[in-house]
């Protein structure tokens, strides 16, 4: 007879699976929206509040600093107290912080509110990934997870479109931009309230009857007799002791922990530099005016769908690891192309378009999605959210490095040498993935930790 975990791995996609995917995906959409909307708001805030490079970096990085704190707290809390309660709490944090940001009166208040919003963002990363992956069947896990995380770029693209639409409202349009994230947050909060707790978390905590009750929602064909047999079988199973957070750094897990943290750290140096400052970078690379730079930023976000779609249809065949390595390599080629032509002035528009679109498609095919998947597939239930939270936190350090230093680096080095620095970062990401990587495609999720 199959165990509860085997039933979860082999279930057909049903209503609860779809609802859990939408609940996770819309949260990721909102992450992308709220993090990226500051890129458009900065176009207005920089001259209005006379922001220098340091102040611009503080404002651009406040949400990322909050995400560092939120991911370190959210993952372990979800592993200890369950996924759903923290899932609701982080979305409520989103809602209130986004709404309040529209009423900020100076840079200090706005930095503080963006930090609080970032706490919600940081907590949502490990929660959405863990909650979703613990429901999905093995055969569809990679493809659905890629499409769900692709909604981050959808949120970023919509933020650009909303920002462009609100620009004509004048110098205070940034207030409406920042507060607008509260509207979808309210709907997502309602949707998540109706979801069940993760059956894998119930099972690992010895709450067998609740786990089987959720399984019955996922597998409606499961009869009462089978349910009782499952309960009896699971109650007789001798579980290993629960592992603590420090187990992530044990001899058994340390290689995996380095793998989920270091390439993601390097990717975020590149990814968030463009995510937060793309309009300003595009102006420096030769585009003219705010409207052109915002349109260019929106195009980059939209084109990411191509890389994501290619990954979604091939991830179970190609695997997560090769996709990550290929993505890093492709992004390096695109960035080097822009660098070569930008050495002696703004590159020709056709070169800029080809180079940056290649970068965006490649990075979306690889680490932009795979880095989000690996942490929840390499660890057992009691460490899954904590591992993803740690990986998210380390990645936010990379994002903070980029966001705080990029305005200064752009001023002192220029855009051409920034492209070379990003390319070197991508090379390092590819090499670390080759050295440390472990394939997880089509493997069952670990229910218990493998060492005591």
Protein backbone atom coordinates (compact mmCIF):
# COMPACT_ATOMS: atom_id res chain seq x y z
CA UNK A 1 0.00 0.00 0.00
CA UNK A 2 1.23 3.51 -0.82
CA UNK A 3 2.20 5.87 2.01
CA UNK A 4 0.72 9.36 2.35
CA UNK A 5 3.86 10.87 0.79
CA UNK A 6 3.65 8.47 -2.18
CA UNK A 7 0.00 9.34 -2.71
CA UNK A 8 0.96 13.05 -2.75
CA UNK A 9 3.74 12.38 -5.26
CA UNK A 10 1.45 10.45 -7.62
CA UNK A 11 -1.82 12.41 -7.30
CA UNK A 12 -3.58 13.90 -10.31
CA UNK A 13 -3.87 17.69 -10.46
CA UNK A 14 -7.15 18.77 -8.87
CA UNK A 15 -8.95 21.79 -7.46
CA UNK A 16 -6.84 22.10 -4.29
CA UNK A 17 -3.62 21.84 -6.31
CA UNK A 18 -4.78 24.66 -8.58
CA UNK A 19 -5.83 26.85 -5.67
CA UNK A 20 -2.51 26.32 -3.90
CA UNK A 21 -0.66 27.17 -7.13
CA UNK A 22 -2.63 30.39 -7.55
CA UNK A 23 -2.14 31.31 -3.88
CA UNK A 24 1.62 30.87 -4.22
CA UNK A 25 1.84 32.40 -7.69
CA UNK A 26 -0.10 35.54 -6.88
CA UNK A 27 2.07 36.05 -3.81
CA UNK A 28 5.14 35.79 -6.02
CA UNK A 29 3.46 38.17 -8.50
CA UNK A 30 3.06 40.67 -5.68
CA UNK A 31 6.69 40.18 -4.63
CA UNK A 32 7.78 41.15 -8.14
CA UNK A 33 5.32 44.04 -8.27
CA UNK A 34 6.19 45.62 -4.93
CA UNK A 35 9.96 45.16 -5.28
CA UNK A 36 10.02 46.50 -8.87
CA UNK A 37 7.61 49.42 -8.60
CA UNK A 38 10.32 51.40 -6.79
CA UNK A 39 12.30 51.45 -10.06
CA UNK A 40 9.61 53.65 -11.64
CA UNK A 41 8.97 55.64 -8.48
CA UNK A 42 12.68 56.54 -8.30
CA UNK A 43 12.40 58.38 -11.61
CA UNK A 44 10.16 60.89 -9.81
CA UNK A 45 11.64 60.68 -6.33
CA UNK A 46 15.26 61.22 -7.33
CA UNK A 47 14.81 64.82 -8.58
CA UNK A 48 11.91 65.63 -6.24
CA UNK A 49 13.76 64.73 -3.03
CA UNK A 50 17.22 65.52 -4.49
CA UNK A 51 18.50 62.01 -3.83
CA UNK A 52 22.22 61.34 -4.12
CA UNK A 53 23.74 57.91 -4.87
CA UNK A 54 23.77 56.86 -1.19
CA UNK A 55 20.13 57.88 -0.60
CA UNK A 56 19.06 56.23 -3.85
CA UNK A 57 20.79 53.04 -2.74
CA UNK A 58 19.09 53.16 0.67
CA UNK A 59 15.67 53.59 -0.87
CA UNK A 60 16.24 50.96 -3.53
CA UNK A 61 17.64 48.50 -1.01
CA UNK A 62 15.26 48.99 1.93
CA UNK A 63 12.83 46.28 0.84
CA UNK A 64 15.72 43.91 0.17
CA UNK A 65 17.11 44.47 3.67
CA UNK A 66 13.64 43.69 5.01
CA UNK A 67 13.50 40.59 2.83
CA UNK A 68 16.75 39.38 4.41
CA UNK A 69 15.18 39.59 7.86
CA UNK A 70 11.83 38.20 6.74
CA UNK A 71 13.28 35.14 5.03
CA UNK A 72 15.45 34.24 8.03
CA UNK A 73 12.40 34.46 10.30
CA UNK A 74 9.68 33.13 7.99
CA UNK A 75 11.32 29.84 7.04
CA UNK A 76 12.03 28.51 10.55
CA UNK A 77 8.65 29.77 11.82
CA UNK A 78 6.88 27.90 9.03
CA UNK A 79 8.84 24.72 9.78
CA UNK A 80 7.95 24.98 13.45
CA UNK A 81 4.37 26.32 13.50
CA UNK A 82 3.06 25.27 10.10
CA UNK A 83 2.89 26.87 6.67
CA UNK A 84 -0.57 28.43 6.66
CA UNK A 85 -0.47 30.78 9.69
CA UNK A 86 2.78 32.43 8.56
CA UNK A 87 1.44 32.42 4.98
CA UNK A 88 -1.40 34.70 6.10
CA UNK A 89 0.74 36.87 8.36
CA UNK A 90 3.27 37.75 5.67
CA UNK A 91 0.51 38.78 3.23
CA UNK A 92 -1.08 41.02 5.87
CA UNK A 93 2.34 42.66 6.28
CA UNK A 94 2.43 43.24 2.51
CA UNK A 95 -0.95 44.90 2.52
CA UNK A 96 -0.37 47.33 5.38
CA UNK A 97 3.17 48.32 4.40
CA UNK A 98 2.29 48.95 0.75
CA UNK A 99 -0.69 51.11 1.67
CA UNK A 100 1.30 53.11 4.22
CA UNK A 101 4.16 53.69 1.73
CA UNK A 102 1.89 55.94 -0.29
CA UNK A 103 1.68 58.30 2.70
CA UNK A 104 5.43 58.57 3.43
CA UNK A 105 6.47 62.14 4.26
CA UNK A 106 10.26 61.91 3.83
CA UNK A 107 12.99 59.50 2.83
CA UNK A 108 13.40 58.13 6.37
CA UNK A 109 9.75 57.15 6.66
CA UNK A 110 9.70 55.66 3.17
CA UNK A 111 12.85 53.61 3.80
CA UNK A 112 11.31 52.29 7.04
CA UNK A 113 8.02 51.34 5.37
CA UNK A 114 9.78 49.69 2.44
CA UNK A 115 11.81 47.70 4.96
CA UNK A 116 8.62 46.42 6.61
CA UNK A 117 7.20 45.54 3.21
CA UNK A 118 10.41 43.64 2.50
CA UNK A 119 9.91 41.55 5.64
CA UNK A 120 6.68 40.30 4.07
CA UNK A 121 8.44 39.68 0.75
CA UNK A 122 11.26 37.75 2.41
CA UNK A 123 8.90 35.54 4.39
CA UNK A 124 6.77 34.84 1.33
CA UNK A 125 9.63 33.36 -0.72
CA UNK A 126 10.24 30.26 1.43
CA UNK A 127 6.55 29.98 2.32
CA UNK A 128 5.24 30.04 -1.24
CA UNK A 129 7.92 27.67 -2.50
CA UNK A 130 7.52 25.21 0.38
CA UNK A 131 3.73 25.26 0.47
CA UNK A 132 3.44 24.75 -3.28
CA UNK A 133 6.06 22.02 -3.60
CA UNK A 134 4.56 20.00 -0.75
CA UNK A 135 1.25 19.72 -2.61
CA UNK A 136 2.38 19.10 -6.18
CA UNK A 137 2.78 15.60 -7.66
CA UNK A 138 6.30 14.63 -8.70
CA UNK A 139 5.67 14.44 -12.47
CA UNK A 140 4.34 18.02 -12.70
CA UNK A 141 6.35 19.65 -9.93
CA UNK A 142 9.04 21.32 -12.04
CA UNK A 143 6.80 22.66 -14.79
CA UNK A 144 4.14 24.11 -12.48
CA UNK A 145 6.72 25.61 -10.13
CA UNK A 146 8.43 27.37 -13.04
CA UNK A 147 5.16 28.89 -14.23
CA UNK A 148 4.27 29.95 -10.70
CA UNK A 149 7.60 31.67 -10.13
CA UNK A 150 7.33 33.26 -13.58
CA UNK A 151 4.62 35.41 -12.08
CA UNK A 152 7.41 37.36 -10.35
CA UNK A 153 8.39 38.73 -13.75
CA UNK A 154 4.71 39.22 -14.50
CA UNK A 155 4.45 41.37 -11.39
CA UNK A 156 7.56 43.30 -12.41
CA UNK A 157 6.14 43.87 -15.92
CA UNK A 158 2.78 45.01 -14.56
CA UNK A 159 4.54 47.38 -12.16
CA UNK A 160 6.28 49.00 -15.14
CA UNK A 161 2.99 49.29 -17.02
CA UNK A 162 1.21 50.74 -13.97
CA UNK A 163 4.10 53.13 -13.37
CA UNK A 164 3.99 54.27 -16.99
CA UNK A 165 0.22 54.80 -16.78
CA UNK A 166 0.54 56.80 -13.54
CA UNK A 167 3.47 59.00 -14.62
CA UNK A 168 1.14 61.66 -16.16
CA UNK A 169 -0.41 62.26 -12.72
CA UNK A 170 2.55 64.44 -11.87
CA UNK A 171 5.30 64.59 -9.29
CA UNK A 172 3.28 62.77 -6.61
CA UNK A 173 2.34 59.84 -8.85
CA UNK A 174 4.90 57.74 -6.94
CA UNK A 175 2.49 57.66 -3.97
CA UNK A 176 -0.16 55.88 -6.02
CA UNK A 177 2.48 53.55 -7.47
CA UNK A 178 3.73 52.39 -4.07
CA UNK A 179 0.28 52.11 -2.48
CA UNK A 180 -1.24 50.19 -5.40
CA UNK A 181 0.22 46.89 -4.16
CA UNK A 182 -2.32 46.83 -1.33
CA UNK A 183 -5.17 46.06 -3.76
CA UNK A 184 -4.00 42.61 -4.97
CA UNK A 185 -2.69 41.81 -1.45
CA UNK A 186 -6.25 41.94 -0.11
CA UNK A 187 -7.47 39.39 -2.68
CA UNK A 188 -4.52 37.07 -2.07
CA UNK A 189 -5.13 37.18 1.69
CA UNK A 190 -8.72 36.05 1.11
CA UNK A 191 -7.60 33.24 -1.22
CA UNK A 192 -4.97 31.90 1.19
CA UNK A 193 -7.41 31.87 4.09
CA UNK A 194 -9.36 29.09 2.35
CA UNK A 195 -6.38 26.76 1.87
CA UNK A 196 -5.55 23.71 4.04
CA UNK A 197 -2.33 23.20 5.95
CA UNK A 198 0.41 21.20 4.23
CA UNK A 199 -0.21 17.45 4.70
CA UNK A 200 3.54 16.79 4.68
CA UNK A 201 3.98 19.15 7.65
CA UNK A 202 1.10 17.46 9.48
CA UNK A 203 2.66 14.07 8.79
CA UNK A 204 6.12 15.03 10.03
CA UNK A 205 4.59 16.46 13.21
CA UNK A 206 2.78 13.20 13.93
CA UNK A 207 -0.66 14.62 13.14
CA UNK A 208 -1.59 11.67 10.97
CA UNK A 209 -5.38 12.10 10.88
CA UNK A 210 -5.12 15.72 9.72
CA UNK A 211 -2.59 14.74 7.05
CA UNK A 212 -4.87 12.02 5.71
CA UNK A 213 -7.86 14.40 5.79
CA UNK A 214 -5.99 16.86 3.55
CA UNK A 215 -4.85 13.97 1.33
CA UNK A 216 -8.51 13.05 0.87
CA UNK A 217 -9.12 16.54 -0.56
CA UNK A 218 -6.25 16.03 -3.00
CA UNK A 219 -7.21 12.46 -3.92
CA UNK A 220 -11.05 12.36 -3.82
CA UNK A 221 -11.05 8.71 -4.94
CA UNK A 222 -9.51 7.69 -1.61
CA UNK A 223 -12.16 5.68 0.27
CA UNK A 224 -12.77 5.51 4.03
CA UNK A 225 -11.21 2.06 4.23
CA UNK A 226 -8.00 3.25 2.54
CA UNK A 227 -7.89 6.33 4.75
CA UNK A 228 -8.11 4.26 7.94
CA UNK A 229 -5.46 1.87 6.62
CA UNK A 230 -3.16 4.81 5.87
CA UNK A 231 -3.65 6.21 9.36
CA UNK A 232 -2.82 2.87 10.95
CA UNK A 233 0.25 2.36 8.74
CA UNK A 234 1.63 5.86 9.39
CA UNK A 235 1.04 5.55 13.15
CA UNK A 236 3.19 2.42 13.20
CA UNK A 237 6.01 4.10 11.28
CA UNK A 238 8.96 5.04 13.47
CA UNK A 239 10.06 8.53 12.49
CA UNK A 240 13.54 9.91 12.93
CA UNK A 241 13.83 12.85 15.38
CA UNK A 242 13.08 16.29 13.99
CA UNK A 243 16.14 18.16 12.74
CA UNK A 244 16.98 21.70 13.87
CA UNK A 245 17.97 24.71 11.75
CA UNK A 246 21.69 24.17 12.42
CA UNK A 247 21.44 20.82 10.61
CA UNK A 248 21.69 22.86 7.39
CA UNK A 249 25.38 23.33 8.18
CA UNK A 250 26.09 19.71 9.12
CA UNK A 251 28.60 17.62 7.21
CA UNK A 252 25.79 15.87 5.33
CA UNK A 253 23.97 19.02 4.16
CA UNK A 254 26.74 21.63 3.87
CA UNK A 255 27.43 20.99 0.17
CA UNK A 256 23.74 21.38 -0.62
CA UNK A 257 23.56 24.50 1.53
CA UNK A 258 26.46 26.07 -0.36
CA UNK A 259 24.79 25.13 -3.64
CA UNK A 260 21.43 26.74 -2.81
CA UNK A 261 23.02 29.93 -1.46
CA UNK A 262 26.09 30.91 -3.51
CA UNK A 263 24.73 30.79 -7.11
CA UNK A 264 21.53 32.55 -5.98
CA UNK A 265 23.65 35.22 -4.24
CA UNK A 266 25.54 35.82 -7.50
CA UNK A 267 22.39 35.79 -9.63
CA UNK A 268 20.77 38.45 -7.45
CA UNK A 269 23.76 40.75 -7.88
CA UNK A 270 22.92 40.77 -11.60
CA UNK A 271 19.16 40.34 -11.39
CA UNK A 272 18.37 43.04 -8.86
CA UNK A 273 20.75 45.53 -10.41
CA UNK A 274 18.56 45.40 -13.50
CA UNK A 275 15.33 44.85 -11.58
CA UNK A 276 15.70 48.00 -9.47
CA UNK A 277 17.79 50.25 -11.72
CA UNK A 278 17.01 49.14 -15.27
CA UNK A 279 15.43 52.47 -16.29
CA UNK A 280 18.47 54.37 -15.01
CA UNK A 281 20.92 51.89 -16.60
CA UNK A 282 19.11 52.11 -19.93
CA UNK A 283 19.35 55.89 -19.84
CA UNK A 284 23.10 55.55 -19.30
CA UNK A 285 23.36 53.07 -22.18
CA UNK A 286 21.87 55.49 -24.69
CA UNK A 287 18.06 55.54 -24.42
CA UNK A 288 16.51 59.00 -24.34
CA UNK A 289 13.97 60.20 -21.80
CA UNK A 290 11.93 58.61 -19.01
CA UNK A 291 9.30 57.14 -21.32
CA UNK A 292 11.87 55.29 -23.48
CA UNK A 293 13.66 53.91 -20.41
CA UNK A 294 10.40 52.69 -18.82
CA UNK A 295 9.31 51.08 -22.11
CA UNK A 296 12.72 49.37 -22.33
CA UNK A 297 12.37 48.16 -18.75
CA UNK A 298 8.90 46.78 -19.50
CA UNK A 299 10.20 45.01 -22.62
CA UNK A 300 12.90 43.26 -20.59
CA UNK A 301 10.29 42.06 -18.10
CA UNK A 302 7.98 40.79 -20.84
CA UNK A 303 10.76 39.02 -22.74
CA UNK A 304 11.57 37.04 -19.60
CA UNK A 305 8.43 35.03 -20.39
CA UNK A 306 10.26 33.49 -23.38
CA UNK A 307 13.01 32.03 -21.21
CA UNK A 308 10.51 30.89 -18.62
CA UNK A 309 8.31 29.19 -21.23
CA UNK A 310 11.32 27.36 -22.68
CA UNK A 311 12.26 26.16 -19.21
CA UNK A 312 8.71 25.09 -18.36
CA UNK A 313 8.43 22.80 -21.38
CA UNK A 314 11.91 21.30 -20.97
CA UNK A 315 12.73 21.27 -17.25
CA UNK A 316 11.71 17.66 -16.58
CA UNK A 317 13.72 16.49 -19.60
CA UNK A 318 16.74 18.80 -19.37
CA UNK A 319 16.77 18.92 -15.58
CA UNK A 320 17.18 21.83 -13.18
CA UNK A 321 20.97 21.76 -13.00
CA UNK A 322 21.78 21.95 -16.72
CA UNK A 323 19.17 24.69 -17.15
CA UNK A 324 20.85 26.72 -14.42
CA UNK A 325 24.33 26.32 -15.92
CA UNK A 326 23.13 27.12 -19.47
CA UNK A 327 21.25 30.16 -18.18
CA UNK A 328 24.33 31.61 -16.50
CA UNK A 329 26.45 31.00 -19.63
CA UNK A 330 23.89 32.57 -21.99
CA UNK A 331 23.54 35.64 -19.80
CA UNK A 332 27.33 36.12 -19.82
CA UNK A 333 27.38 36.10 -23.64
CA UNK A 334 24.69 38.79 -23.80
CA UNK A 335 26.41 41.03 -21.26
CA UNK A 336 29.81 40.71 -22.93
CA UNK A 337 28.27 41.74 -26.24
CA UNK A 338 26.95 44.96 -24.69
CA UNK A 339 30.27 45.57 -22.90
CA UNK A 340 32.39 45.33 -26.06
CA UNK A 341 30.28 47.88 -27.94
CA UNK A 342 29.80 50.19 -24.93
CA UNK A 343 33.53 50.69 -24.34
CA UNK A 344 33.67 53.74 -26.63
CA UNK A 345 30.26 55.26 -25.98
CA UNK A 346 26.58 54.24 -26.07
CA UNK A 347 26.30 50.97 -28.03
CA UNK A 348 24.20 50.84 -31.24
CA UNK A 349 20.54 50.26 -30.40
CA UNK A 350 20.47 46.91 -32.22
CA UNK A 351 23.43 45.64 -30.16
CA UNK A 352 21.86 46.88 -26.93
CA UNK A 353 18.58 45.16 -27.75
CA UNK A 354 20.17 41.84 -28.80
CA UNK A 355 22.60 41.74 -25.86
CA UNK A 356 20.11 42.60 -23.13
CA UNK A 357 17.34 40.43 -24.56
CA UNK A 358 19.75 37.49 -24.72
CA UNK A 359 20.72 38.19 -21.11
CA UNK A 360 17.08 38.27 -20.03
CA UNK A 361 15.98 35.13 -21.90
CA UNK A 362 19.01 33.13 -20.68
CA UNK A 363 18.75 34.22 -17.07
CA UNK A 364 15.01 33.46 -17.07
CA UNK A 365 15.67 30.01 -18.54
CA UNK A 366 18.17 29.29 -15.79
CA UNK A 367 18.93 30.73 -12.36
CA UNK A 368 16.02 33.18 -12.18
CA UNK A 369 13.78 30.14 -11.78
CA UNK A 370 15.99 27.20 -10.81
CA UNK A 371 17.51 28.95 -7.78
CA UNK A 372 13.98 29.17 -6.36
CA UNK A 373 13.30 25.45 -6.90
CA UNK A 374 16.45 23.76 -5.58
CA UNK A 375 16.13 24.65 -1.85
CA UNK A 376 12.73 22.99 -1.46
CA UNK A 377 13.68 19.85 -3.41
CA UNK A 378 16.99 19.10 -1.67
CA UNK A 379 15.84 19.09 1.96
CA UNK A 380 13.36 17.13 4.12
CA UNK A 381 10.05 18.50 5.40
CA UNK A 382 11.27 19.89 8.74
CA UNK A 383 14.15 21.77 7.05
CA UNK A 384 12.49 22.71 3.75
CA UNK A 385 11.22 26.21 4.59
CA UNK A 386 14.28 26.96 6.74
CA UNK A 387 16.61 26.00 3.87
CA UNK A 388 14.69 28.17 1.43
CA UNK A 389 14.63 31.00 3.95
CA UNK A 390 18.41 30.80 4.37
CA UNK A 391 18.95 30.71 0.60
CA UNK A 392 16.61 33.68 0.17
CA UNK A 393 18.39 35.63 2.90
CA UNK A 394 21.82 35.05 1.36
CA UNK A 395 20.46 36.00 -2.06
CA UNK A 396 19.10 39.24 -0.60
CA UNK A 397 22.62 40.04 0.60
CA UNK A 398 23.68 39.80 -3.05
CA UNK A 399 20.78 42.01 -4.02
CA UNK A 400 21.70 44.53 -1.31
CA UNK A 401 25.32 44.60 -2.49
CA UNK A 402 24.08 45.42 -5.98
CA UNK A 403 21.46 47.95 -4.95
CA UNK A 404 23.63 49.88 -2.51
CA UNK A 405 26.78 49.87 -4.63
CA UNK A 406 25.38 50.15 -8.14
CA UNK A 407 24.58 53.91 -8.05
CA UNK A 408 28.14 54.57 -6.84
CA UNK A 409 29.67 52.12 -9.32
CA UNK A 410 27.62 53.57 -12.17
CA UNK A 411 28.84 57.05 -11.30
CA UNK A 412 32.52 56.06 -11.02
CA UNK A 413 32.93 53.20 -13.53
CA UNK A 414 30.28 53.83 -16.16
CA UNK A 415 27.80 51.39 -17.69
CA UNK A 416 30.30 49.53 -19.89
CA UNK A 417 32.44 48.25 -17.03
CA UNK A 418 29.32 47.40 -15.05
CA UNK A 419 28.35 45.01 -17.86
CA UNK A 420 31.76 43.32 -17.57
CA UNK A 421 31.40 43.03 -13.79
CA UNK A 422 27.97 41.42 -14.22
CA UNK A 423 29.41 39.00 -16.80
CA UNK A 424 32.17 37.95 -14.37
CA UNK A 425 29.48 37.34 -11.75
CA UNK A 426 27.62 35.08 -14.18
CA UNK A 427 30.78 33.08 -14.92
CA UNK A 428 31.26 32.49 -11.19
CA UNK A 429 27.63 31.37 -10.88
CA UNK A 430 28.06 28.81 -13.68
CA UNK A 431 31.28 27.41 -12.20
CA UNK A 432 29.80 27.06 -8.70
CA UNK A 433 26.73 25.32 -10.13
CA UNK A 434 28.94 22.83 -11.98
CA UNK A 435 31.02 22.15 -8.87
CA UNK A 436 28.31 21.98 -6.20
CA UNK A 437 25.15 21.13 -8.14
CA UNK A 438 22.89 18.15 -7.61
CA UNK A 439 20.00 17.20 -9.92
CA UNK A 440 16.53 16.87 -8.34
CA UNK A 441 14.26 16.32 -11.36
CA UNK A 442 11.76 13.45 -10.95
CA UNK A 443 13.05 12.56 -7.48
CA UNK A 444 10.57 12.21 -4.59
CA UNK A 445 10.63 14.87 -1.87
CA UNK A 446 12.41 13.87 1.31
CA UNK A 447 9.89 13.44 4.13
CA UNK A 448 12.40 12.89 6.96
CA UNK A 449 15.98 14.04 7.40
CA UNK A 450 18.55 11.45 6.43
CA UNK A 451 20.85 11.70 9.43
CA UNK A 452 20.20 11.89 13.14
